[in-house]
Amino acid sequence: MSDDFDPYREALVVEQLTHWPAEYDQWDPAAKVRVEALLHAEPQAASTLDYVRQHTGFRREITVTSADLARLGVVA
């Protein structure tokens, strides 16, 4: 189960990670980087968002979904 967007934890995010399902393995790495930047620019809109506690703050993890790609206007 994913977390809800949390402004407090967002202020303490020191690392971000994007999980890509296997169906996107053949995507161009540059396209993935562009999509990751868009997703992490608006984490409150991500379909699947998780915060992982670290010693220095939180790591934000977003799992890419087809709904996210559709919202961003990216053709899968």
PDB file of N, CA and C in Angstrom:
ATOM      1  N   MET A   1       0.850  -1.167   0.000  1.00  0.00           N
ATOM      2  CA  MET A   1       0.000   0.000   0.000  1.00  0.00           C
ATOM      3  C   MET A   1       0.900   1.235   0.000  1.00  0.00           C
ATOM      4  N   SER A   2       0.577   2.167  -0.865  1.00  0.00           N
ATOM      5  CA  SER A   2       1.417   3.349  -0.955  1.00  0.00           C
ATOM      6  C   SER A   2       1.043   4.382   0.102  1.00  0.00           C
ATOM      7  N   ASP A   3       1.967   5.299   0.318  1.00  0.00           N
ATOM      8  CA  ASP A   3       1.761   6.366   1.286  1.00  0.00           C
ATOM      9  C   ASP A   3       0.999   7.519   0.639  1.00  0.00           C
ATOM     10  N   ASP A   4       0.364   8.331   1.470  1.00  0.00           N
ATOM     11  CA  ASP A   4      -0.220   9.579   0.997  1.00  0.00           C
ATOM     12  C   ASP A   4       0.887  10.626   0.939  1.00  0.00           C
ATOM     13  N   PHE A   5       0.707  11.613   0.080  1.00  0.00           N
ATOM     14  CA  PHE A   5       1.658  12.719   0.018  1.00  0.00           C
ATOM     15  C   PHE A   5       1.736  13.378   1.384  1.00  0.00           C
ATOM     16  N   ASP A   6       2.940  13.636   1.855  1.00  0.00           N
ATOM     17  CA  ASP A   6       3.142  14.202   3.183  1.00  0.00           C
ATOM     18  C   ASP A   6       4.124  15.375   3.094  1.00  0.00           C
ATOM     19  N   PRO A   7       3.638  16.607   3.232  1.00  0.00           N
ATOM     20  CA  PRO A   7       4.510  17.775   3.138  1.00  0.00           C
ATOM     21  C   PRO A   7       5.673  17.745   4.135  1.00  0.00           C
ATOM     22  N   TYR A   8       5.427  17.218   5.329  1.00  0.00           N
ATOM     23  CA  TYR A   8       6.495  17.144   6.333  1.00  0.00           C
ATOM     24  C   TYR A   8       7.626  16.245   5.833  1.00  0.00           C
ATOM     25  N   ARG A   9       7.285  15.044   5.378  1.00  0.00           N
ATOM     26  CA  ARG A   9       8.315  14.133   4.879  1.00  0.00           C
ATOM     27  C   ARG A   9       8.944  14.659   3.592  1.00  0.00           C
ATOM     28  N   GLU A  10       8.153  15.320   2.769  1.00  0.00           N
ATOM     29  CA  GLU A  10       8.701  15.908   1.537  1.00  0.00           C
ATOM     30  C   GLU A  10       9.830  16.886   1.846  1.00  0.00           C
ATOM     31  N   ALA A  11       9.662  17.652   2.911  1.00  0.00           N
ATOM     32  CA  ALA A  11      10.691  18.619   3.288  1.00  0.00           C
ATOM     33  C   ALA A  11      11.981  17.927   3.713  1.00  0.00           C
ATOM     34  N   LEU A  12      11.889  16.653   4.064  1.00  0.00           N
ATOM     35  CA  LEU A  12      13.052  15.907   4.540  1.00  0.00           C
ATOM     36  C   LEU A  12      13.548  14.869   3.526  1.00  0.00           C
ATOM     37  N   VAL A  13      13.057  14.938   2.284  1.00  0.00           N
ATOM     38  CA  VAL A  13      13.499  14.001   1.249  1.00  0.00           C
ATOM     39  C   VAL A  13      14.939  14.332   0.855  1.00  0.00           C
ATOM     40  N   VAL A  14      15.813  13.317   0.963  1.00  0.00           N
ATOM     41  CA  VAL A  14      17.226  13.499   0.608  1.00  0.00           C
ATOM     42  C   VAL A  14      17.620  12.622  -0.578  1.00  0.00           C
ATOM     43  N   GLU A  15      16.712  11.763  -0.991  1.00  0.00           N
ATOM     44  CA  GLU A  15      16.993  10.844  -2.095  1.00  0.00           C
ATOM     45  C   GLU A  15      15.677  10.487  -2.768  1.00  0.00           C
ATOM     46  N   GLN A  16      15.745  10.240  -4.071  1.00  0.00           N
ATOM     47  CA  GLN A  16      14.546   9.806  -4.774  1.00  0.00           C
ATOM     48  C   GLN A  16      14.886   8.611  -5.649  1.00  0.00           C
ATOM     49  N   LEU A  17      13.905   7.732  -5.791  1.00  0.00           N
ATOM     50  CA  LEU A  17      14.086   6.500  -6.543  1.00  0.00           C
ATOM     51  C   LEU A  17      12.816   6.248  -7.345  1.00  0.00           C
ATOM     52  N   THR A  18      12.990   5.777  -8.573  1.00  0.00           N
ATOM     53  CA  THR A  18      11.851   5.469  -9.423  1.00  0.00           C
ATOM     54  C   THR A  18      11.903   3.992  -9.783  1.00  0.00           C
ATOM     55  N   HIS A  19      10.800   3.299  -9.544  1.00  0.00           N
ATOM     56  CA  HIS A  19      10.682   1.890  -9.902  1.00  0.00           C
ATOM     57  C   HIS A  19       9.937   1.795 -11.230  1.00  0.00           C
ATOM     58  N   TRP A  20      10.542   1.083 -12.179  1.00  0.00           N
ATOM     59  CA  TRP A  20       9.932   0.880 -13.483  1.00  0.00           C
ATOM     60  C   TRP A  20       9.501  -0.576 -13.618  1.00  0.00           C
ATOM     61  N   PRO A  21       8.241  -0.849 -13.942  1.00  0.00           N
ATOM     62  CA  PRO A  21       7.807  -2.227 -14.191  1.00  0.00           C
ATOM     63  C   PRO A  21       8.567  -2.813 -15.392  1.00  0.00           C
ATOM     64  N   ALA A  22       8.659  -4.122 -15.436  1.00  0.00           N
ATOM     65  CA  ALA A  22       9.412  -4.811 -16.494  1.00  0.00           C
ATOM     66  C   ALA A  22       8.926  -4.462 -17.896  1.00  0.00           C
ATOM     67  N   GLU A  23       7.673  -4.098 -18.025  1.00  0.00           N
ATOM     68  CA  GLU A  23       7.132  -3.797 -19.359  1.00  0.00           C
ATOM     69  C   GLU A  23       7.783  -2.568 -19.995  1.00  0.00           C
ATOM     70  N   TYR A  24       8.517  -1.779 -19.210  1.00  0.00           N
ATOM     71  CA  TYR A  24       9.190  -0.592 -19.734  1.00  0.00           C
ATOM     72  C   TYR A  24      10.704  -0.781 -19.849  1.00  0.00           C
ATOM     73  N   ASP A  25      11.176  -2.015 -19.756  1.00  0.00           N
ATOM     74  CA  ASP A  25      12.616  -2.289 -19.824  1.00  0.00           C
ATOM     75  C   ASP A  25      13.246  -1.844 -21.136  1.00  0.00           C
ATOM     76  N   GLN A  26      12.497  -1.872 -22.220  1.00  0.00           N
ATOM     77  CA  GLN A  26      13.047  -1.540 -23.532  1.00  0.00           C
ATOM     78  C   GLN A  26      12.997  -0.044 -23.855  1.00  0.00           C
ATOM     79  N   TRP A  27      12.484   0.748 -22.940  1.00  0.00           N
ATOM     80  CA  TRP A  27      12.411   2.189 -23.174  1.00  0.00           C
ATOM     81  C   TRP A  27      13.798   2.801 -23.247  1.00  0.00           C
ATOM     82  N   ASP A  28      13.894   3.859 -23.997  1.00  0.00           N
ATOM     83  CA  ASP A  28      15.138   4.621 -24.104  1.00  0.00           C
ATOM     84  C   ASP A  28      15.480   5.214 -22.731  1.00  0.00           C
ATOM     85  N   PRO A  29      16.716   5.043 -22.270  1.00  0.00           N
ATOM     86  CA  PRO A  29      17.089   5.576 -20.953  1.00  0.00           C
ATOM     87  C   PRO A  29      16.871   7.090 -20.818  1.00  0.00           C
ATOM     88  N   ALA A  30      17.080   7.835 -21.886  1.00  0.00           N
ATOM     89  CA  ALA A  30      16.866   9.287 -21.831  1.00  0.00           C
ATOM     90  C   ALA A  30      15.390   9.608 -21.602  1.00  0.00           C
ATOM     91  N   ALA A  31      14.495   8.828 -22.210  1.00  0.00           N
ATOM     92  CA  ALA A  31      13.054   9.037 -22.014  1.00  0.00           C
ATOM     93  C   ALA A  31      12.675   8.723 -20.571  1.00  0.00           C
ATOM     94  N   LYS A  32      13.274   7.673 -20.010  1.00  0.00           N
ATOM     95  CA  LYS A  32      12.999   7.332 -18.615  1.00  0.00           C
ATOM     96  C   LYS A  32      13.439   8.455 -17.677  1.00  0.00           C
ATOM     97  N   VAL A  33      14.601   9.020 -17.932  1.00  0.00           N
ATOM     98  CA  VAL A  33      15.103  10.116 -17.090  1.00  0.00           C
ATOM     99  C   VAL A  33      14.147  11.301 -17.151  1.00  0.00           C
ATOM    100  N   ARG A  34      13.649  11.603 -18.354  1.00  0.00           N
ATOM    101  CA  ARG A  34      12.716  12.730 -18.510  1.00  0.00           C
ATOM    102  C   ARG A  34      11.423  12.473 -17.738  1.00  0.00           C
ATOM    103  N   VAL A  35      10.874  11.270 -17.840  1.00  0.00           N
ATOM    104  CA  VAL A  35       9.637  10.922 -17.136  1.00  0.00           C
ATOM    105  C   VAL A  35       9.864  10.945 -15.624  1.00  0.00           C
ATOM    106  N   GLU A  36      11.002  10.422 -15.178  1.00  0.00           N
ATOM    107  CA  GLU A  36      11.314  10.434 -13.744  1.00  0.00           C
ATOM    108  C   GLU A  36      11.347  11.860 -13.207  1.00  0.00           C
ATOM    109  N   ALA A  37      11.953  12.761 -13.950  1.00  0.00           N
ATOM    110  CA  ALA A  37      12.012  14.159 -13.517  1.00  0.00           C
ATOM    111  C   ALA A  37      10.614  14.748 -13.395  1.00  0.00           C
ATOM    112  N   LEU A  38       9.742  14.443 -14.352  1.00  0.00           N
ATOM    113  CA  LEU A  38       8.368  14.949 -14.307  1.00  0.00           C
ATOM    114  C   LEU A  38       7.605  14.368 -13.117  1.00  0.00           C
ATOM    115  N   LEU A  39       7.775  13.076 -12.869  1.00  0.00           N
ATOM    116  CA  LEU A  39       7.075  12.439 -11.754  1.00  0.00           C
ATOM    117  C   LEU A  39       7.525  12.993 -10.405  1.00  0.00           C
ATOM    118  N   HIS A  40       8.818  13.163 -10.235  1.00  0.00           N
ATOM    119  CA  HIS A  40       9.325  13.637  -8.947  1.00  0.00           C
ATOM    120  C   HIS A  40       9.127  15.144  -8.758  1.00  0.00           C
ATOM    121  N   ALA A  41       8.847  15.863  -9.848  1.00  0.00           N
ATOM    122  CA  ALA A  41       8.548  17.292  -9.737  1.00  0.00           C
ATOM    123  C   ALA A  41       7.179  17.520  -9.105  1.00  0.00           C
ATOM    124  N   GLU A  42       6.275  16.542  -9.256  1.00  0.00           N
ATOM    125  CA  GLU A  42       4.930  16.611  -8.677  1.00  0.00           C
ATOM    126  C   GLU A  42       4.596  15.297  -7.982  1.00  0.00           C
ATOM    127  N   PRO A  43       5.268  15.001  -6.888  1.00  0.00           N
ATOM    128  CA  PRO A  43       5.038  13.712  -6.232  1.00  0.00           C
ATOM    129  C   PRO A  43       3.619  13.540  -5.696  1.00  0.00           C
ATOM    130  N   GLN A  44       2.932  14.633  -5.407  1.00  0.00           N
ATOM    131  CA  GLN A  44       1.571  14.543  -4.885  1.00  0.00           C
ATOM    132  C   GLN A  44       0.610  13.957  -5.918  1.00  0.00           C
ATOM    133  N   ALA A  45       0.975  13.971  -7.195  1.00  0.00           N
ATOM    134  CA  ALA A  45       0.111  13.441  -8.242  1.00  0.00           C
ATOM    135  C   ALA A  45       0.444  11.995  -8.616  1.00  0.00           C
ATOM    136  N   ALA A  46       1.511  11.450  -8.077  1.00  0.00           N
ATOM    137  CA  ALA A  46       1.924  10.088  -8.426  1.00  0.00           C
ATOM    138  C   ALA A  46       0.907   9.067  -7.930  1.00  0.00           C
ATOM    139  N   SER A  47       0.704   8.039  -8.728  1.00  0.00           N
ATOM    140  CA  SER A  47      -0.240   6.978  -8.354  1.00  0.00           C
ATOM    141  C   SER A  47       0.270   6.153  -7.190  1.00  0.00           C
ATOM    142  N   THR A  48       1.562   5.865  -7.193  1.00  0.00           N
ATOM    143  CA  THR A  48       2.158   5.038  -6.149  1.00  0.00           C
ATOM    144  C   THR A  48       3.377   5.751  -5.580  1.00  0.00           C
ATOM    145  N   LEU A  49       3.240   6.220  -4.351  1.00  0.00           N
ATOM    146  CA  LEU A  49       4.277   6.999  -3.680  1.00  0.00           C
ATOM    147  C   LEU A  49       4.582   6.358  -2.331  1.00  0.00           C
ATOM    148  N   ASP A  50       5.861   6.175  -2.054  1.00  0.00           N
ATOM    149  CA  ASP A  50       6.271   5.621  -0.770  1.00  0.00           C
ATOM    150  C   ASP A  50       7.413   6.459  -0.202  1.00  0.00           C
ATOM    151  N   TYR A  51       7.440   6.573   1.115  1.00  0.00           N
ATOM    152  CA  TYR A  51       8.540   7.228   1.820  1.00  0.00           C
ATOM    153  C   TYR A  51       9.267   6.180   2.634  1.00  0.00           C
ATOM    154  N   VAL A  52      10.578   6.141   2.492  1.00  0.00           N
ATOM    155  CA  VAL A  52      11.403   5.198   3.242  1.00  0.00           C
ATOM    156  C   VAL A  52      12.296   6.005   4.178  1.00  0.00           C
ATOM    157  N   ARG A  53      12.194   5.711   5.464  1.00  0.00           N
ATOM    158  CA  ARG A  53      12.968   6.426   6.480  1.00  0.00           C
ATOM    159  C   ARG A  53      14.432   6.038   6.366  1.00  0.00           C
ATOM    160  N   GLN A  54      15.293   7.048   6.374  1.00  0.00           N
ATOM    161  CA  GLN A  54      16.741   6.852   6.371  1.00  0.00           C
ATOM    162  C   GLN A  54      17.327   7.619   7.549  1.00  0.00           C
ATOM    163  N   HIS A  55      18.589   7.421   7.804  1.00  0.00           N
ATOM    164  CA  HIS A  55      19.222   8.120   8.925  1.00  0.00           C
ATOM    165  C   HIS A  55      19.221   9.632   8.739  1.00  0.00           C
ATOM    166  N   THR A  56      19.320  10.066   7.501  1.00  0.00           N
ATOM    167  CA  THR A  56      19.434  11.499   7.234  1.00  0.00           C
ATOM    168  C   THR A  56      18.140  12.146   6.778  1.00  0.00           C
ATOM    169  N   GLY A  57      17.062  11.387   6.644  1.00  0.00           N
ATOM    170  CA  GLY A  57      15.795  11.934   6.170  1.00  0.00           C
ATOM    171  C   GLY A  57      14.937  10.841   5.568  1.00  0.00           C
ATOM    172  N   PHE A  58      14.374  11.119   4.393  1.00  0.00           N
ATOM    173  CA  PHE A  58      13.506  10.150   3.725  1.00  0.00           C
ATOM    174  C   PHE A  58      13.929   9.975   2.273  1.00  0.00           C
ATOM    175  N   ARG A  59      13.678   8.778   1.757  1.00  0.00           N
ATOM    176  CA  ARG A  59      13.825   8.513   0.329  1.00  0.00           C
ATOM    177  C   ARG A  59      12.412   8.430  -0.229  1.00  0.00           C
ATOM    178  N   ARG A  60      12.154   9.210  -1.281  1.00  0.00           N
ATOM    179  CA  ARG A  60      10.860   9.165  -1.959  1.00  0.00           C
ATOM    180  C   ARG A  60      10.961   8.126  -3.072  1.00  0.00           C
ATOM    181  N   GLU A  61      10.033   7.173  -3.080  1.00  0.00           N
ATOM    182  CA  GLU A  61       9.998   6.147  -4.109  1.00  0.00           C
ATOM    183  C   GLU A  61       8.674   6.237  -4.860  1.00  0.00           C
ATOM    184  N   ILE A  62       8.785   6.342  -6.165  1.00  0.00           N
ATOM    185  CA  ILE A  62       7.607   6.381  -7.026  1.00  0.00           C
ATOM    186  C   ILE A  62       7.683   5.197  -7.968  1.00  0.00           C
ATOM    187  N   THR A  63       6.593   4.447  -8.044  1.00  0.00           N
ATOM    188  CA  THR A  63       6.491   3.343  -8.998  1.00  0.00           C
ATOM    189  C   THR A  63       5.675   3.834 -10.182  1.00  0.00           C
ATOM    190  N   VAL A  64       6.268   3.744 -11.357  1.00  0.00           N
ATOM    191  CA  VAL A  64       5.620   4.227 -12.574  1.00  0.00           C
ATOM    192  C   VAL A  64       4.424   3.335 -12.913  1.00  0.00           C
ATOM    193  N   THR A  65       3.298   3.978 -13.223  1.00  0.00           N
ATOM    194  CA  THR A  65       2.098   3.255 -13.655  1.00  0.00           C
ATOM    195  C   THR A  65       1.630   3.835 -14.991  1.00  0.00           C
ATOM    196  N   SER A  66       0.793   3.087 -15.680  1.00  0.00           N
ATOM    197  CA  SER A  66       0.246   3.584 -16.948  1.00  0.00           C
ATOM    198  C   SER A  66      -0.601   4.838 -16.715  1.00  0.00           C
ATOM    199  N   ALA A  67      -1.226   4.942 -15.544  1.00  0.00           N
ATOM    200  CA  ALA A  67      -2.013   6.142 -15.220  1.00  0.00           C
ATOM    201  C   ALA A  67      -1.109   7.373 -15.115  1.00  0.00           C
ATOM    202  N   ASP A  68       0.070   7.194 -14.537  1.00  0.00           N
ATOM    203  CA  ASP A  68       1.020   8.311 -14.458  1.00  0.00           C
ATOM    204  C   ASP A  68       1.454   8.755 -15.851  1.00  0.00           C
ATOM    205  N   LEU A  69       1.767   7.794 -16.694  1.00  0.00           N
ATOM    206  CA  LEU A  69       2.198   8.125 -18.063  1.00  0.00           C
ATOM    207  C   LEU A  69       1.094   8.818 -18.835  1.00  0.00           C
ATOM    208  N   ALA A  70      -0.139   8.376 -18.665  1.00  0.00           N
ATOM    209  CA  ALA A  70      -1.266   9.008 -19.340  1.00  0.00           C
ATOM    210  C   ALA A  70      -1.445  10.444 -18.837  1.00  0.00           C
ATOM    211  N   ARG A  71      -1.308  10.639 -17.522  1.00  0.00           N
ATOM    212  CA  ARG A  71      -1.438  11.979 -16.955  1.00  0.00           C
ATOM    213  C   ARG A  71      -0.377  12.924 -17.504  1.00  0.00           C
ATOM    214  N   LEU A  72       0.823  12.389 -17.717  1.00  0.00           N
ATOM    215  CA  LEU A  72       1.924  13.197 -18.239  1.00  0.00           C
ATOM    216  C   LEU A  72       1.886  13.347 -19.764  1.00  0.00           C
ATOM    217  N   GLY A  73       0.978  12.619 -20.408  1.00  0.00           N
ATOM    218  CA  GLY A  73       0.864  12.689 -21.853  1.00  0.00           C
ATOM    219  C   GLY A  73       1.959  11.929 -22.581  1.00  0.00           C
ATOM    220  N   VAL A  74       2.523  10.916 -21.911  1.00  0.00           N
ATOM    221  CA  VAL A  74       3.592  10.111 -22.498  1.00  0.00           C
ATOM    222  C   VAL A  74       2.969   8.862 -23.113  1.00  0.00           C
ATOM    223  N   VAL A  75       3.332   8.571 -24.331  1.00  0.00           N
ATOM    224  CA  VAL A  75       2.810   7.393 -25.019  1.00  0.00           C
ATOM    225  C   VAL A  75       3.634   6.184 -24.591  1.00  0.00           C
ATOM    226  N   ALA A  76       2.969   5.182 -24.041  1.00  0.00           N
ATOM    227  CA  ALA A  76       3.658   3.974 -23.583  1.00  0.00           C
ATOM    228  C   ALA A  76       3.838   2.977 -24.694  1.00  0.00           C
TER     229      ALA A  76
END
